[in-house]
PDB file of N, CA and C in Angstrom:
ATOM      1  N   MET A   1     144.598  38.084-107.025  1.00  0.00           N
ATOM      2  CA  MET A   1     144.830  39.769-106.610  1.00  0.00           C
ATOM      3  C   MET A   1     145.810  40.077-105.797  1.00  0.00           C
ATOM      4  N   LYS A   2     146.388  39.779-104.824  1.00  0.00           N
ATOM      5  CA  LYS A   2     147.404  39.865-104.461  1.00  0.00           C
ATOM      6  C   LYS A   2     148.720  39.690-105.395  1.00  0.00           C
ATOM      7  N   ARG A   3     149.152  38.949-105.890  1.00  0.00           N
ATOM      8  CA  ARG A   3     150.187  38.255-106.984  1.00  0.00           C
ATOM      9  C   ARG A   3     149.782  40.089-107.968  1.00  0.00           C
ATOM     10  N   SER A   4     148.935  40.534-108.579  1.00  0.00           N
ATOM     11  CA  SER A   4     148.998  41.058-109.652  1.00  0.00           C
ATOM     12  C   SER A   4     148.794  42.520-108.675  1.00  0.00           C
ATOM     13  N   ALA A   5     148.530  43.256-107.853  1.00  0.00           N
ATOM     14  CA  ALA A   5     148.488  44.168-106.734  1.00  0.00           C
ATOM     15  C   ALA A   5     150.006  44.536-107.080  1.00  0.00           C
ATOM     16  N   LEU A   6     150.272  43.266-106.047  1.00  0.00           N
ATOM     17  CA  LEU A   6     152.126  43.475-105.743  1.00  0.00           C
ATOM     18  C   LEU A   6     153.144  43.615-107.139  1.00  0.00           C
ATOM     19  N   THR A   7     152.608  42.964-108.430  1.00  0.00           N
ATOM     20  CA  THR A   7     153.409  43.357-109.690  1.00  0.00           C
ATOM     21  C   THR A   7     153.340  44.199-110.079  1.00  0.00           C
ATOM     22  N   GLY A   8     152.241  45.271-110.102  1.00  0.00           N
ATOM     23  CA  GLY A   8     152.202  46.480-110.369  1.00  0.00           C
ATOM     24  C   GLY A   8     152.651  47.135-109.035  1.00  0.00           C
ATOM     25  N   LEU A   9     152.637  47.294-108.138  1.00  0.00           N
ATOM     26  CA  LEU A   9     153.408  48.312-107.277  1.00  0.00           C
ATOM     27  C   LEU A   9     154.942  47.846-107.314  1.00  0.00           C
ATOM     28  N   VAL A  10     155.535  46.867-107.953  1.00  0.00           N
ATOM     29  CA  VAL A  10     156.917  46.713-108.101  1.00  0.00           C
ATOM     30  C   VAL A  10     156.855  47.190-109.543  1.00  0.00           C
ATOM     31  N   ALA A  11     156.347  47.344-110.815  1.00  0.00           N
ATOM     32  CA  ALA A  11     156.261  48.109-111.708  1.00  0.00           C
ATOM     33  C   ALA A  11     156.349  49.794-111.404  1.00  0.00           C
ATOM     34  N   LEU A  12     155.889  50.124-110.612  1.00  0.00           N
ATOM     35  CA  LEU A  12     155.158  51.593-110.134  1.00  0.00           C
ATOM     36  C   LEU A  12     156.856  52.329-109.794  1.00  0.00           C
ATOM     37  N   LEU A  13     157.223  51.103-108.640  1.00  0.00           N
ATOM     38  CA  LEU A  13     158.558  51.736-107.789  1.00  0.00           C
ATOM     39  C   LEU A  13     159.851  51.615-109.195  1.00  0.00           C
ATOM     40  N   THR A  14     159.887  51.051-110.085  1.00  0.00           N
ATOM     41  CA  THR A  14     160.448  50.851-111.102  1.00  0.00           C
ATOM     42  C   THR A  14     160.745  52.013-111.808  1.00  0.00           C
ATOM     43  N   VAL A  15     159.838  52.170-112.021  1.00  0.00           N
ATOM     44  CA  VAL A  15     159.413  53.385-112.994  1.00  0.00           C
ATOM     45  C   VAL A  15     159.693  54.576-111.927  1.00  0.00           C
ATOM     46  N   ALA A  16     159.382  54.842-111.061  1.00  0.00           N
ATOM     47  CA  ALA A  16     159.989  55.698-110.065  1.00  0.00           C
ATOM     48  C   ALA A  16     161.015  55.839-109.941  1.00  0.00           C
ATOM     49  N   LEU A  17     162.275  54.831-109.257  1.00  0.00           N
ATOM     50  CA  LEU A  17     163.749  54.436-109.302  1.00  0.00           C
ATOM     51  C   LEU A  17     164.156  55.295-110.820  1.00  0.00           C
ATOM     52  N   ALA A  18     163.142  54.709-111.970  1.00  0.00           N
ATOM     53  CA  ALA A  18     164.167  55.636-113.167  1.00  0.00           C
ATOM     54  C   ALA A  18     164.564  56.745-113.277  1.00  0.00           C
ATOM     55  N   VAL A  19     162.672  57.334-112.800  1.00  0.00           N
ATOM     56  CA  VAL A  19     162.939  58.833-112.983  1.00  0.00           C
ATOM     57  C   VAL A  19     163.692  59.655-111.963  1.00  0.00           C
ATOM     58  N   VAL A  20     163.807  59.168-110.954  1.00  0.00           N
ATOM     59  CA  VAL A  20     164.813  59.752-110.202  1.00  0.00           C
ATOM     60  C   VAL A  20     166.008  59.583-110.543  1.00  0.00           C
ATOM     61  N   ALA A  21     167.088  58.702-110.812  1.00  0.00           N
ATOM     62  CA  ALA A  21     168.133  58.340-111.465  1.00  0.00           C
ATOM     63  C   ALA A  21     168.383  59.162-112.658  1.00  0.00           C
ATOM     64  N   PHE A  22     167.379  59.492-113.591  1.00  0.00           N
ATOM     65  CA  PHE A  22     167.750  60.414-114.713  1.00  0.00           C
ATOM     66  C   PHE A  22     167.646  62.151-114.289  1.00  0.00           C
ATOM     67  N   ALA A  23     166.969  62.409-113.125  1.00  0.00           N
ATOM     68  CA  ALA A  23     166.220  63.330-113.092  1.00  0.00           C
ATOM     69  C   ALA A  23     167.849  64.607-113.242  1.00  0.00           C
ATOM     70  N   GLY A  24     168.544  64.026-112.787  1.00  0.00           N
ATOM     71  CA  GLY A  24     169.768  64.661-112.583  1.00  0.00           C
ATOM     72  C   GLY A  24     170.482  65.051-113.988  1.00  0.00           C
ATOM     73  N   LEU A  25     170.810  64.297-114.971  1.00  0.00           N
ATOM     74  CA  LEU A  25     171.014  64.724-116.496  1.00  0.00           C
ATOM     75  C   LEU A  25     170.287  65.751-117.008  1.00  0.00           C
ATOM     76  N   LYS A  26     170.977  66.701-116.683  1.00  0.00           N
ATOM     77  CA  LYS A  26     170.967  68.063-117.245  1.00  0.00           C
ATOM     78  C   LYS A  26     171.766  68.431-118.299  1.00  0.00           C
ATOM     79  N   SER A  27     171.207  68.309-119.668  1.00  0.00           N
ATOM     80  CA  SER A  27     171.954  68.784-120.702  1.00  0.00           C
ATOM     81  C   SER A  27     172.406  70.558-120.896  1.00  0.00           C
ATOM     82  N   THR A  28     171.842  71.306-120.604  1.00  0.00           N
ATOM     83  CA  THR A  28     171.518  72.621-120.659  1.00  0.00           C
ATOM     84  C   THR A  28     172.334  73.195-119.833  1.00  0.00           C
ATOM     85  N   MET A  29     173.048  74.003-120.088  1.00  0.00           N
ATOM     86  CA  MET A  29     173.839  75.301-119.038  1.00  0.00           C
ATOM     87  C   MET A  29     172.688  76.480-119.092  1.00  0.00           C
ATOM     88  N   GLU A  30     172.244  77.021-117.968  1.00  0.00           N
ATOM     89  CA  GLU A  30     171.302  78.088-117.416  1.00  0.00           C
ATOM     90  C   GLU A  30     172.558  79.025-117.453  1.00  0.00           C
ATOM     91  N   LEU A  31     172.985  80.260-118.323  1.00  0.00           N
ATOM     92  CA  LEU A  31     173.590  81.406-118.078  1.00  0.00           C
ATOM     93  C   LEU A  31     173.428  82.153-118.311  1.00  0.00           C
ATOM     94  N   LYS A  32     174.284  83.314-117.562  1.00  0.00           N
ATOM     95  CA  LYS A  32     173.626  84.612-118.369  1.00  0.00           C
ATOM     96  C   LYS A  32     174.964  85.136-117.528  1.00  0.00           C
ATOM     97  N   ALA A  33     174.837  86.828-118.795  1.00  0.00           N
ATOM     98  CA  ALA A  33     176.378  87.499-118.887  1.00  0.00           C
ATOM     99  C   ALA A  33     176.788  88.211-117.416  1.00  0.00           C
ATOM    100  N   GLY A  34     177.696  88.092-117.203  1.00  0.00           N
ATOM    101  CA  GLY A  34     178.977  87.655-115.681  1.00  0.00           C
ATOM    102  C   GLY A  34     178.797  86.413-114.729  1.00  0.00           C
ATOM    103  N   ASP A  35     178.222  85.673-115.231  1.00  0.00           N
ATOM    104  CA  ASP A  35     178.322  84.168-114.877  1.00  0.00           C
ATOM    105  C   ASP A  35     180.040  83.921-114.895  1.00  0.00           C
ATOM    106  N   GLU A  36     180.849  83.152-114.150  1.00  0.00           N
ATOM    107  CA  GLU A  36     181.883  82.724-114.129  1.00  0.00           C
ATOM    108  C   GLU A  36     182.057  80.809-114.126  1.00  0.00           C
ATOM    109  N   ILE A  37     182.337  80.503-115.054  1.00  0.00           N
ATOM    110  CA  ILE A  37     182.417  78.978-115.193  1.00  0.00           C
ATOM    111  C   ILE A  37     183.838  78.657-115.618  1.00  0.00           C
ATOM    112  N   TYR A  38     184.011  77.244-116.181  1.00  0.00           N
ATOM    113  CA  TYR A  38     185.064  76.886-116.659  1.00  0.00           C
ATOM    114  C   TYR A  38     184.954  76.114-117.739  1.00  0.00           C
ATOM    115  N   ALA A  39     185.813  76.434-118.711  1.00  0.00           N
ATOM    116  CA  ALA A  39     185.763  76.281-120.365  1.00  0.00           C
ATOM    117  C   ALA A  39     186.808  75.230-120.983  1.00  0.00           C
ATOM    118  N   CYS A  40     186.261  74.294-121.681  1.00  0.00           N
ATOM    119  CA  CYS A  40     187.405  74.006-122.384  1.00  0.00           C
ATOM    120  C   CYS A  40     188.309  74.939-122.995  1.00  0.00           C
ATOM    121  N   ASN A  41     189.672  74.629-123.297  1.00  0.00           N
ATOM    122  CA  ASN A  41     190.810  76.034-123.387  1.00  0.00           C
ATOM    123  C   ASN A  41     191.796  75.328-124.653  1.00  0.00           C
ATOM    124  N   CYS A  42     191.213  74.384-125.270  1.00  0.00           N
ATOM    125  CA  CYS A  42     192.138  73.625-126.291  1.00  0.00           C
ATOM    126  C   CYS A  42     191.715  74.761-127.446  1.00  0.00           C
ATOM    127  N   GLY A  43     191.033  75.529-127.231  1.00  0.00           N
ATOM    128  CA  GLY A  43     191.582  76.270-128.554  1.00  0.00           C
ATOM    129  C   GLY A  43     189.951  76.496-129.449  1.00  0.00           C
ATOM    130  N   GLU A  44     189.642  77.440-130.754  1.00  0.00           N
ATOM    131  CA  GLU A  44     188.691  77.588-131.457  1.00  0.00           C
ATOM    132  C   GLU A  44     187.867  76.275-131.929  1.00  0.00           C
ATOM    133  N   LYS A  45     189.006  75.344-132.384  1.00  0.00           N
ATOM    134  CA  LYS A  45     188.794  74.292-133.470  1.00  0.00           C
ATOM    135  C   LYS A  45     188.261  73.067-132.813  1.00  0.00           C
ATOM    136  N   CYS A  46     188.265  73.383-131.486  1.00  0.00           N
ATOM    137  CA  CYS A  46     188.061  71.848-130.399  1.00  0.00           C
ATOM    138  C   CYS A  46     186.419  71.727-130.610  1.00  0.00           C
ATOM    139  N   PRO A  47     186.080  70.404-130.811  1.00  0.00           N
ATOM    140  CA  PRO A  47     184.908  70.296-130.689  1.00  0.00           C
ATOM    141  C   PRO A  47     184.045  69.677-129.323  1.00  0.00           C
ATOM    142  N   CYS A  48     184.440  69.864-128.910  1.00  0.00           N
ATOM    143  CA  CYS A  48     183.892  69.388-127.514  1.00  0.00           C
ATOM    144  C   CYS A  48     182.812  70.207-126.737  1.00  0.00           C
ATOM    145  N   ASP A  49     183.585  71.472-126.267  1.00  0.00           N
ATOM    146  CA  ASP A  49     182.634  73.084-126.193  1.00  0.00           C
ATOM    147  C   ASP A  49     181.938  71.969-124.731  1.00  0.00           C
ATOM    148  N   SER A  50     183.227  71.544-123.895  1.00  0.00           N
ATOM    149  CA  SER A  50     183.301  71.457-122.461  1.00  0.00           C
ATOM    150  C   SER A  50     182.811  72.885-121.648  1.00  0.00           C
ATOM    151  N   MET A  51     181.841  72.817-120.679  1.00  0.00           N
ATOM    152  CA  MET A  51     181.300  73.869-119.718  1.00  0.00           C
ATOM    153  C   MET A  51     181.219  73.057-118.775  1.00  0.00           C
ATOM    154  N   SER A  52     181.594  73.583-116.949  1.00  0.00           N
ATOM    155  CA  SER A  52     181.181  72.997-115.981  1.00  0.00           C
ATOM    156  C   SER A  52     181.219  74.232-115.043  1.00  0.00           C
ATOM    157  N   ARG A  53     180.751  73.960-113.734  1.00  0.00           N
ATOM    158  CA  ARG A  53     180.621  74.672-112.828  1.00  0.00           C
ATOM    159  C   ARG A  53     181.968  74.847-111.813  1.00  0.00           C
ATOM    160  N   ASN A  54     182.600  73.317-112.101  1.00  0.00           N
ATOM    161  CA  ASN A  54     183.734  73.116-111.327  1.00  0.00           C
ATOM    162  C   ASN A  54     185.179  73.626-111.823  1.00  0.00           C
ATOM    163  N   ALA A  55     186.188  73.593-111.521  1.00  0.00           N
ATOM    164  CA  ALA A  55     187.765  73.759-112.002  1.00  0.00           C
ATOM    165  C   ALA A  55     187.853  72.089-113.064  1.00  0.00           C
ATOM    166  N   GLY A  56     188.868  71.437-113.643  1.00  0.00           N
ATOM    167  CA  GLY A  56     188.728  70.030-113.914  1.00  0.00           C
ATOM    168  C   GLY A  56     189.240  70.043-115.123  1.00  0.00           C
ATOM    169  N   LYS A  57     189.199  68.740-115.649  1.00  0.00           N
ATOM    170  CA  LYS A  57     189.961  68.519-117.660  1.00  0.00           C
ATOM    171  C   LYS A  57     188.525  68.373-117.944  1.00  0.00           C
ATOM    172  N   CYS A  58     188.962  69.302-118.887  1.00  0.00           N
ATOM    173  CA  CYS A  58     187.806  68.649-120.094  1.00  0.00           C
ATOM    174  C   CYS A  58     187.251  67.436-121.000  1.00  0.00           C
ATOM    175  N   THR A  59     186.522  67.215-121.602  1.00  0.00           N
ATOM    176  CA  THR A  59     186.913  65.312-122.135  1.00  0.00           C
ATOM    177  C   THR A  59     187.599  64.934-123.127  1.00  0.00           C
ATOM    178  N   CYS A  60     188.361  66.501-123.822  1.00  0.00           N
ATOM    179  CA  CYS A  60     189.477  66.077-124.481  1.00  0.00           C
ATOM    180  C   CYS A  60     190.916  66.337-123.686  1.00  0.00           C
ATOM    181  N   GLY A  61     190.793  66.233-122.647  1.00  0.00           N
ATOM    182  CA  GLY A  61     192.054  65.906-121.583  1.00  0.00           C
ATOM    183  C   GLY A  61     192.300  66.821-120.928  1.00  0.00           C
ATOM    184  N   LYS A  62     192.646  68.050-121.552  1.00  0.00           N
ATOM    185  CA  LYS A  62     193.104  69.522-120.876  1.00  0.00           C
ATOM    186  C   LYS A  62     192.169  69.654-119.809  1.00  0.00           C
ATOM    187  N   ASP A  63     193.120  70.614-119.338  1.00  0.00           N
ATOM    188  CA  ASP A  63     192.547  71.742-117.988  1.00  0.00           C
ATOM    189  C   ASP A  63     191.660  72.722-118.685  1.00  0.00           C
ATOM    190  N   MET A  64     190.729  72.719-117.778  1.00  0.00           N
ATOM    191  CA  MET A  64     189.619  73.855-118.445  1.00  0.00           C
ATOM    192  C   MET A  64     190.381  74.926-117.842  1.00  0.00           C
ATOM    193  N   VAL A  65     189.721  76.775-118.129  1.00  0.00           N
ATOM    194  CA  VAL A  65     189.981  77.793-117.733  1.00  0.00           C
ATOM    195  C   VAL A  65     188.755  78.138-116.847  1.00  0.00           C
ATOM    196  N   LYS A  66     189.215  78.941-115.851  1.00  0.00           N
ATOM    197  CA  LYS A  66     188.150  79.474-115.715  1.00  0.00           C
ATOM    198  C   LYS A  66     187.526  81.040-116.833  1.00  0.00           C
ATOM    199  N   ALA A  67     186.469  80.791-117.176  1.00  0.00           N
ATOM    200  CA  ALA A  67     185.748  81.938-118.014  1.00  0.00           C
ATOM    201  C   ALA A  67     184.784  82.850-117.751  1.00  0.00           C
ATOM    202  N   THR A  68     184.387  83.639-117.825  1.00  0.00           N
ATOM    203  CA  THR A  68     183.420  84.556-118.091  1.00  0.00           C
ATOM    204  C   THR A  68     182.346  84.809-119.058  1.00  0.00           C
ATOM    205  N   VAL A  69     180.953  85.186-118.513  1.00  0.00           N
ATOM    206  CA  VAL A  69     180.279  84.664-120.145  1.00  0.00           C
ATOM    207  C   VAL A  69     179.646  86.334-120.445  1.00  0.00           C
ATOM    208  N   VAL A  70     180.207  86.615-121.546  1.00  0.00           N
ATOM    209  CA  VAL A  70     180.223  87.693-121.978  1.00  0.00           C
ATOM    210  C   VAL A  70     178.697  88.067-122.516  1.00  0.00           C
ATOM    211  N   LYS A  71     177.779  87.099-123.113  1.00  0.00           N
ATOM    212  CA  LYS A  71     176.585  87.657-123.567  1.00  0.00           C
ATOM    213  C   LYS A  71     175.911  85.820-123.990  1.00  0.00           C
ATOM    214  N   ALA A  72     174.991  85.913-123.088  1.00  0.00           N
ATOM    215  CA  ALA A  72     174.118  83.987-122.965  1.00  0.00           C
ATOM    216  C   ALA A  72     172.940  84.483-124.311  1.00  0.00           C
ATOM    217  N   GLU A  73     172.775  83.799-125.373  1.00  0.00           N
ATOM    218  CA  GLU A  73     171.514  83.882-126.201  1.00  0.00           C
ATOM    219  C   GLU A  73     171.628  82.168-125.838  1.00  0.00           C
ATOM    220  N   GLU A  74     170.026  81.829-126.821  1.00  0.00           N
ATOM    221  CA  GLU A  74     169.274  81.156-127.246  1.00  0.00           C
ATOM    222  C   GLU A  74     170.621  79.806-127.696  1.00  0.00           C
ATOM    223  N   GLY A  75     170.792  78.602-127.123  1.00  0.00           N
ATOM    224  CA  GLY A  75     171.592  77.719-127.718  1.00  0.00           C
ATOM    225  C   GLY A  75     173.381  77.900-127.496  1.00  0.00           C
ATOM    226  N   LYS A  76     173.782  79.531-126.914  1.00  0.00           N
ATOM    227  CA  LYS A  76     174.743  79.594-126.948  1.00  0.00           C
ATOM    228  C   LYS A  76     174.978  80.523-126.431  1.00  0.00           C
ATOM    229  N   ALA A  77     176.544  80.585-125.379  1.00  0.00           N
ATOM    230  CA  ALA A  77     177.356  81.795-125.008  1.00  0.00           C
ATOM    231  C   ALA A  77     178.652  82.001-125.643  1.00  0.00           C
ATOM    232  N   THR A  78     178.605  83.294-125.486  1.00  0.00           N
ATOM    233  CA  THR A  78     179.609  83.346-125.561  1.00  0.00           C
ATOM    234  C   THR A  78     181.255  83.822-124.180  1.00  0.00           C
ATOM    235  N   LEU A  79     182.236  83.257-124.237  1.00  0.00           N
ATOM    236  CA  LEU A  79     182.755  83.232-123.302  1.00  0.00           C
ATOM    237  C   LEU A  79     184.376  84.026-123.593  1.00  0.00           C
ATOM    238  N   LYS A  80     185.162  84.904-122.355  1.00  0.00           N
ATOM    239  CA  LYS A  80     186.169  85.058-122.814  1.00  0.00           C
ATOM    240  C   LYS A  80     186.721  85.166-121.350  1.00  0.00           C
ATOM    241  N   ALA A  81     188.204  84.527-121.323  1.00  0.00           N
ATOM    242  CA  ALA A  81     189.239  83.835-120.454  1.00  0.00           C
ATOM    243  C   ALA A  81     190.756  84.595-120.610  1.00  0.00           C
ATOM    244  N   GLU A  82     191.065  84.443-119.534  1.00  0.00           N
ATOM    245  CA  GLU A  82     192.345  85.324-119.510  1.00  0.00           C
ATOM    246  C   GLU A  82     193.706  84.082-120.438  1.00  0.00           C
ATOM    247  N   GLY A  83     194.216  85.073-121.823  1.00  0.00           N
ATOM    248  CA  GLY A  83     194.725  84.259-121.937  1.00  0.00           C
ATOM    249  C   GLY A  83     194.189  84.046-123.696  1.00  0.00           C
ATOM    250  N   TRP A  84     192.849  84.324-123.388  1.00  0.00           N
ATOM    251  CA  TRP A  84     192.558  84.102-125.120  1.00  0.00           C
ATOM    252  C   TRP A  84     192.471  85.001-125.869  1.00  0.00           C
ATOM    253  N   THR A  85     192.576  85.298-126.683  1.00  0.00           N
ATOM    254  CA  THR A  85     192.666  86.436-127.619  1.00  0.00           C
ATOM    255  C   THR A  85     191.996  87.279-128.298  1.00  0.00           C
ATOM    256  N   LYS A  86     190.725  86.171-128.401  1.00  0.00           N
ATOM    257  CA  LYS A  86     189.203  86.821-128.543  1.00  0.00           C
ATOM    258  C   LYS A  86     188.109  85.896-127.711  1.00  0.00           C
ATOM    259  N   GLU A  87     186.729  86.733-127.741  1.00  0.00           N
ATOM    260  CA  GLU A  87     186.009  85.399-127.121  1.00  0.00           C
ATOM    261  C   GLU A  87     185.411  84.447-128.032  1.00  0.00           C
ATOM    262  N   ARG A  88     185.305  83.097-127.312  1.00  0.00           N
ATOM    263  CA  ARG A  88     184.703  82.287-128.019  1.00  0.00           C
ATOM    264  C   ARG A  88     183.065  81.941-127.792  1.00  0.00           C
ATOM    265  N   ALA A  89     182.599  81.246-128.788  1.00  0.00           N
ATOM    266  CA  ALA A  89     181.624  80.889-128.758  1.00  0.00           C
ATOM    267  C   ALA A  89     181.062  79.333-127.826  1.00  0.00           C
ATOM    268  N   PHE A  90     180.363  79.119-126.959  1.00  0.00           N
ATOM    269  CA  PHE A  90     180.098  77.602-126.436  1.00  0.00           C
ATOM    270  C   PHE A  90     178.879  77.054-126.989  1.00  0.00           C
ATOM    271  N   LYS A  91     178.200  75.632-127.381  1.00  0.00           N
ATOM    272  CA  LYS A  91     176.859  75.388-127.239  1.00  0.00           C
ATOM    273  C   LYS A  91     176.702  75.263-125.410  1.00  0.00           C
ATOM    274  N   THR A  92     175.136  75.418-125.420  1.00  0.00           N
ATOM    275  CA  THR A  92     174.909  75.230-124.299  1.00  0.00           C
ATOM    276  C   THR A  92     174.368  74.434-123.477  1.00  0.00           C
ATOM    277  N   THR A  93     173.628  73.423-124.545  1.00  0.00           N
ATOM    278  CA  THR A  93     173.234  72.230-124.874  1.00  0.00           C
ATOM    279  C   THR A  93     174.331  71.554-125.390  1.00  0.00           C
ATOM    280  N   GLY A  94     174.515  70.223-124.068  1.00  0.00           N
ATOM    281  CA  GLY A  94     175.409  68.854-124.481  1.00  0.00           C
ATOM    282  C   GLY A  94     174.568  68.075-124.761  1.00  0.00           C
ATOM    283  N   GLN A  95     175.644  67.136-125.881  1.00  0.00           N
ATOM    284  CA  GLN A  95     175.355  66.025-126.608  1.00  0.00           C
ATOM    285  C   GLN A  95     175.376  65.217-125.272  1.00  0.00           C
ATOM    286  N   TYR A  96     176.508  65.038-124.437  1.00  0.00           N
ATOM    287  CA  TYR A  96     176.932  64.182-123.171  1.00  0.00           C
ATOM    288  C   TYR A  96     176.573  64.944-121.957  1.00  0.00           C
ATOM    289  N   ALA A  97     175.542  64.889-120.837  1.00  0.00           N
ATOM    290  CA  ALA A  97     175.931  65.607-119.566  1.00  0.00           C
ATOM    291  C   ALA A  97     176.632  64.946-118.665  1.00  0.00           C
ATOM    292  N   CYS A  98     176.993  65.629-117.402  1.00  0.00           N
ATOM    293  CA  CYS A  98     177.184  64.568-116.218  1.00  0.00           C
ATOM    294  C   CYS A  98     176.233  63.602-115.451  1.00  0.00           C
ATOM    295  N   ALA A  99     176.380  62.369-115.101  1.00  0.00           N
ATOM    296  CA  ALA A  99     175.004  61.864-114.413  1.00  0.00           C
ATOM    297  C   ALA A  99     175.628  61.495-113.231  1.00  0.00           C
ATOM    298  N   CYS A 100     176.045  62.316-112.580  1.00  0.00           N
ATOM    299  CA  CYS A 100     176.257  62.643-110.619  1.00  0.00           C
ATOM    300  C   CYS A 100     175.173  62.325-110.008  1.00  0.00           C
ATOM    301  N   GLY A 101     173.744  62.718-110.807  1.00  0.00           N
ATOM    302  CA  GLY A 101     172.746  63.058-110.165  1.00  0.00           C
ATOM    303  C   GLY A 101     172.620  64.354-109.444  1.00  0.00           C
ATOM    304  N   PRO A 102     171.035  64.326-109.074  1.00  0.00           N
ATOM    305  CA  PRO A 102     170.769  65.915-108.070  1.00  0.00           C
ATOM    306  C   PRO A 102     171.419  66.597-107.339  1.00  0.00           C
ATOM    307  N   ALA A 103     172.484  65.604-106.663  1.00  0.00           N
ATOM    308  CA  ALA A 103     172.688  66.448-105.593  1.00  0.00           C
ATOM    309  C   ALA A 103     174.382  67.241-106.163  1.00  0.00           C
ATOM    310  N   CYS A 104     174.652  66.678-107.329  1.00  0.00           N
ATOM    311  CA  CYS A 104     175.983  66.925-108.186  1.00  0.00           C
ATOM    312  C   CYS A 104     175.641  68.280-108.158  1.00  0.00           C
ATOM    313  N   LYS A 105     176.806  69.303-108.181  1.00  0.00           N
ATOM    314  CA  LYS A 105     176.212  70.820-108.848  1.00  0.00           C
ATOM    315  C   LYS A 105     177.314  70.984-109.840  1.00  0.00           C
ATOM    316  N   CYS A 106     178.088  70.110-110.209  1.00  0.00           N
ATOM    317  CA  CYS A 106     179.202  70.234-111.333  1.00  0.00           C
ATOM    318  C   CYS A 106     178.431  71.146-112.715  1.00  0.00           C
ATOM    319  N   ASP A 107     177.327  70.108-113.370  1.00  0.00           N
ATOM    320  CA  ASP A 107     176.661  70.742-114.162  1.00  0.00           C
ATOM    321  C   ASP A 107     177.591  70.419-115.571  1.00  0.00           C
ATOM    322  N   THR A 108     178.338  69.830-115.779  1.00  0.00           N
ATOM    323  CA  THR A 108     179.152  69.680-116.853  1.00  0.00           C
ATOM    324  C   THR A 108     178.075  69.265-117.795  1.00  0.00           C
ATOM    325  N   ILE A 109     178.612  69.765-119.139  1.00  0.00           N
ATOM    326  CA  ILE A 109     177.971  68.706-120.282  1.00  0.00           C
ATOM    327  C   ILE A 109     179.209  69.157-121.665  1.00  0.00           C
ATOM    328  N   SER A 110     179.313  68.274-122.388  1.00  0.00           N
ATOM    329  CA  SER A 110     179.998  68.209-123.597  1.00  0.00           C
ATOM    330  C   SER A 110     179.038  68.200-124.737  1.00  0.00           C
ATOM    331  N   GLN A 111     179.800  67.949-125.480  1.00  0.00           N
ATOM    332  CA  GLN A 111     179.639  67.666-127.221  1.00  0.00           C
ATOM    333  C   GLN A 111     180.217  66.203-127.348  1.00  0.00           C
ATOM    334  N   ASN A 112     181.504  65.676-126.567  1.00  0.00           N
ATOM    335  CA  ASN A 112     181.967  64.650-126.514  1.00  0.00           C
ATOM    336  C   ASN A 112     181.927  63.813-125.601  1.00  0.00           C
ATOM    337  N   PRO A 113     182.197  62.425-125.168  1.00  0.00           N
ATOM    338  CA  PRO A 113     181.856  61.387-124.371  1.00  0.00           C
ATOM    339  C   PRO A 113     183.384  61.539-123.749  1.00  0.00           C
ATOM    340  N   GLY A 114     183.270  61.493-122.676  1.00  0.00           N
ATOM    341  CA  GLY A 114     184.184  61.365-121.381  1.00  0.00           C
ATOM    342  C   GLY A 114     183.824  61.545-119.863  1.00  0.00           C
ATOM    343  N   LYS A 115     184.704  62.011-119.183  1.00  0.00           N
ATOM    344  CA  LYS A 115     184.609  61.995-117.656  1.00  0.00           C
ATOM    345  C   LYS A 115     184.123  63.530-117.241  1.00  0.00           C
ATOM    346  N   CYS A 116     183.252  63.757-116.249  1.00  0.00           N
ATOM    347  CA  CYS A 116     183.049  65.564-116.433  1.00  0.00           C
ATOM    348  C   CYS A 116     183.515  65.603-114.881  1.00  0.00           C
ATOM    349  N   THR A 117     183.585  66.798-114.297  1.00  0.00           N
ATOM    350  CA  THR A 117     185.056  67.153-113.397  1.00  0.00           C
ATOM    351  C   THR A 117     184.800  67.063-112.338  1.00  0.00           C
ATOM    352  N   CYS A 118     183.353  66.110-111.807  1.00  0.00           N
ATOM    353  CA  CYS A 118     183.069  65.326-110.306  1.00  0.00           C
ATOM    354  C   CYS A 118     183.887  63.851-110.828  1.00  0.00           C
ATOM    355  N   GLY A 119     184.544  63.454-111.545  1.00  0.00           N
ATOM    356  CA  GLY A 119     184.834  62.311-111.925  1.00  0.00           C
ATOM    357  C   GLY A 119     184.288  61.513-112.554  1.00  0.00           C
ATOM    358  N   LYS A 120     182.711  61.203-112.530  1.00  0.00           N
ATOM    359  CA  LYS A 120     181.687  60.592-112.818  1.00  0.00           C
ATOM    360  C   LYS A 120     181.719  60.219-114.319  1.00  0.00           C
ATOM    361  N   ASP A 121     181.316  59.302-115.246  1.00  0.00           N
ATOM    362  CA  ASP A 121     180.867  59.359-116.391  1.00  0.00           C
ATOM    363  C   ASP A 121     180.360  60.364-116.717  1.00  0.00           C
ATOM    364  N   MET A 122     180.381  61.304-118.190  1.00  0.00           N
ATOM    365  CA  MET A 122     179.029  61.714-119.071  1.00  0.00           C
ATOM    366  C   MET A 122     178.274  60.456-119.819  1.00  0.00           C
ATOM    367  N   GLU A 123     177.130  60.944-119.962  1.00  0.00           N
ATOM    368  CA  GLU A 123     176.035  60.094-120.920  1.00  0.00           C
ATOM    369  C   GLU A 123     175.519  60.906-121.788  1.00  0.00           C
ATOM    370  N   LYS A 124     175.270  59.961-122.618  1.00  0.00           N
ATOM    371  CA  LYS A 124     174.707  60.729-124.094  1.00  0.00           C
ATOM    372  C   LYS A 124     173.426  61.383-123.255  1.00  0.00           C
ATOM    373  N   VAL A 125     173.092  62.355-124.036  1.00  0.00           N
ATOM    374  CA  VAL A 125     171.738  62.997-123.896  1.00  0.00           C
ATOM    375  C   VAL A 125     170.551  61.940-124.909  1.00  0.00           C
ATOM    376  N   LYS A 126     169.774  62.073-123.862  1.00  0.00           N
ATOM    377  CA  LYS A 126     168.914  61.156-124.769  1.00  0.00           C
ATOM    378  C   LYS A 126     167.469  62.592-125.409  1.00  0.00           C
ATOM    379  N   VAL A 127     167.413  61.992-126.643  1.00  0.00           N
ATOM    380  CA  VAL A 127     166.718  63.350-127.587  1.00  0.00           C
ATOM    381  C   VAL A 127     165.117  62.914-127.477  1.00  0.00           C
ATOM    382  N   ASN A 128     164.237  63.584-126.913  1.00  0.00           N
ATOM    383  CA  ASN A 128     163.145  62.919-127.374  1.00  0.00           C
ATOM    384  C   ASN A 128     162.470  62.782-128.772  1.00  0.00           C
TER     385      ASN A 128
END
């Protein structure tokens, strides 16, 4: 009896730890017009669509640029940055997200694997 109770407790703790570990994997950036974020500066044809709350490099290795959200819609945000000749649309849901956990506030998302702006590896987002 004690052995089955202990096994059940261990299983419950394992599930709880797994939930906590993946609670910080946020694949969607909640943005509104006027927000300032950092975005991939590689050009319109770059497929990474990396965005972050922190300055750093995008998943394709280039420096990100500070950008302003001009318009936020379901699934995309239109951004404008200094040096861009026109506004650019970025997906607000990434196929990869920073796995730095709930304490980290970088919110880095991308369509490509790589490192997030806080230096952690991005993880593939599991689709339910």
